[in-house]
Amino acid sequence: MTVHVAVMDIRERLARNLRLLRQEKGWSQEAFADEAGLHRTYISDLERGARNPTITVVDKLAAALGVTPGRLLD
């Protein structure tokens, strides 16, 4: 018997976590982008899983949200 486990792609996990943490802070994508020092459309792309950020960008995002970089990928 084969069991298929749905594995969420790492980009999907990052996208979901960014969106949830941003919304918990009550920030728009624009406000989040300002906090992280990034462009709003880049934040939008990340939240849709359309971009692969560098580890440096993940660190900027985490710092803006007040979490560890690992938290964004859980």
C-alpha atoms as a PDB file:
ATOM      1  CA  MET A   1       0.000   0.000   0.000  1.00  0.00           C
ATOM      2  CA  THR A   2       1.361   3.416  -0.976  1.00  0.00           C
ATOM      3  CA  VAL A   3       0.597   6.446   1.146  1.00  0.00           C
ATOM      4  CA  HIS A   4       0.771   9.803  -0.601  1.00  0.00           C
ATOM      5  CA  VAL A   5       1.589  12.682   1.675  1.00  0.00           C
ATOM      6  CA  ALA A   6       0.961  16.179   0.394  1.00  0.00           C
ATOM      7  CA  VAL A   7       4.215  18.053   0.750  1.00  0.00           C
ATOM      8  CA  MET A   8       3.994  21.792   0.541  1.00  0.00           C
ATOM      9  CA  ASP A   9       6.672  23.305  -1.657  1.00  0.00           C
ATOM     10  CA  ILE A  10       9.087  25.536   0.275  1.00  0.00           C
ATOM     11  CA  ARG A  11       7.958  28.557  -1.777  1.00  0.00           C
ATOM     12  CA  GLU A  12       4.363  27.833  -0.786  1.00  0.00           C
ATOM     13  CA  ARG A  13       5.363  27.587   2.893  1.00  0.00           C
ATOM     14  CA  LEU A  14       7.260  30.869   2.680  1.00  0.00           C
ATOM     15  CA  ALA A  15       4.339  32.535   0.872  1.00  0.00           C
ATOM     16  CA  ARG A  16       1.812  31.308   3.445  1.00  0.00           C
ATOM     17  CA  ASN A  17       3.958  32.313   6.418  1.00  0.00           C
ATOM     18  CA  LEU A  18       4.746  35.762   5.022  1.00  0.00           C
ATOM     19  CA  ARG A  19       1.075  36.454   4.360  1.00  0.00           C
ATOM     20  CA  LEU A  20      -0.082  35.208   7.779  1.00  0.00           C
ATOM     21  CA  LEU A  21       2.600  37.042   9.755  1.00  0.00           C
ATOM     22  CA  ARG A  22       2.087  40.245   7.768  1.00  0.00           C
ATOM     23  CA  GLN A  23      -1.658  40.087   8.339  1.00  0.00           C
ATOM     24  CA  GLU A  24      -1.159  39.421  12.075  1.00  0.00           C
ATOM     25  CA  LYS A  25       0.713  42.735  12.241  1.00  0.00           C
ATOM     26  CA  GLY A  26      -2.099  44.457  10.335  1.00  0.00           C
ATOM     27  CA  TRP A  27       0.299  45.549   7.596  1.00  0.00           C
ATOM     28  CA  SER A  28      -0.483  46.057   3.952  1.00  0.00           C
ATOM     29  CA  GLN A  29       2.006  44.646   1.470  1.00  0.00           C
ATOM     30  CA  GLU A  30       3.267  48.186   0.993  1.00  0.00           C
ATOM     31  CA  ALA A  31       3.836  48.734   4.727  1.00  0.00           C
ATOM     32  CA  PHE A  32       5.615  45.372   4.963  1.00  0.00           C
ATOM     33  CA  ALA A  33       7.783  46.222   1.962  1.00  0.00           C
ATOM     34  CA  ASP A  34       8.760  49.526   3.608  1.00  0.00           C
ATOM     35  CA  GLU A  35       9.671  47.745   6.866  1.00  0.00           C
ATOM     36  CA  ALA A  36      11.786  45.186   4.994  1.00  0.00           C
ATOM     37  CA  GLY A  37      13.377  47.683   2.597  1.00  0.00           C
ATOM     38  CA  LEU A  38      11.921  45.921  -0.452  1.00  0.00           C
ATOM     39  CA  HIS A  39       9.514  46.824  -3.250  1.00  0.00           C
ATOM     40  CA  ARG A  40       5.795  46.119  -2.808  1.00  0.00           C
ATOM     41  CA  THR A  41       5.563  44.113  -6.021  1.00  0.00           C
ATOM     42  CA  TYR A  42       8.412  41.906  -4.797  1.00  0.00           C
ATOM     43  CA  ILE A  43       6.445  41.202  -1.597  1.00  0.00           C
ATOM     44  CA  SER A  44       3.407  40.399  -3.721  1.00  0.00           C
ATOM     45  CA  ASP A  45       5.445  37.984  -5.842  1.00  0.00           C
ATOM     46  CA  LEU A  46       6.807  36.279  -2.720  1.00  0.00           C
ATOM     47  CA  GLU A  47       3.336  35.897  -1.215  1.00  0.00           C
ATOM     48  CA  ARG A  48       2.177  34.237  -4.435  1.00  0.00           C
ATOM     49  CA  GLY A  49       5.179  31.914  -4.519  1.00  0.00           C
ATOM     50  CA  ALA A  50       6.312  33.435  -7.801  1.00  0.00           C
ATOM     51  CA  ARG A  51       9.843  34.347  -6.626  1.00  0.00           C
ATOM     52  CA  ASN A  52      12.774  32.514  -5.078  1.00  0.00           C
ATOM     53  CA  PRO A  53      14.326  34.956  -2.607  1.00  0.00           C
ATOM     54  CA  THR A  54      17.965  34.840  -1.596  1.00  0.00           C
ATOM     55  CA  ILE A  55      18.835  33.947   1.980  1.00  0.00           C
ATOM     56  CA  THR A  56      19.689  37.623   2.506  1.00  0.00           C
ATOM     57  CA  VAL A  57      16.142  38.604   1.523  1.00  0.00           C
ATOM     58  CA  VAL A  58      14.684  35.920   3.811  1.00  0.00           C
ATOM     59  CA  ASP A  59      16.736  37.445   6.627  1.00  0.00           C
ATOM     60  CA  LYS A  60      15.397  40.952   5.838  1.00  0.00           C
ATOM     61  CA  LEU A  61      11.822  39.650   5.781  1.00  0.00           C
ATOM     62  CA  ALA A  62      12.261  37.828   9.090  1.00  0.00           C
ATOM     63  CA  ALA A  63      13.834  40.870  10.757  1.00  0.00           C
ATOM     64  CA  ALA A  64      10.962  43.086   9.612  1.00  0.00           C
ATOM     65  CA  LEU A  65       8.447  40.598  11.017  1.00  0.00           C
ATOM     66  CA  GLY A  66      10.400  40.040  14.238  1.00  0.00           C
ATOM     67  CA  VAL A  67      10.845  36.301  13.714  1.00  0.00           C
ATOM     68  CA  THR A  68      13.730  33.974  12.917  1.00  0.00           C
ATOM     69  CA  PRO A  69      14.392  33.157   9.260  1.00  0.00           C
ATOM     70  CA  GLY A  70      13.595  29.527  10.025  1.00  0.00           C
ATOM     71  CA  ARG A  71      10.092  30.509  11.165  1.00  0.00           C
ATOM     72  CA  LEU A  72       9.339  31.715   7.649  1.00  0.00           C
ATOM     73  CA  LEU A  73      10.169  28.297   6.201  1.00  0.00           C
ATOM     74  CA  ASP A  74       8.335  26.101   8.751  1.00  0.00           C
END
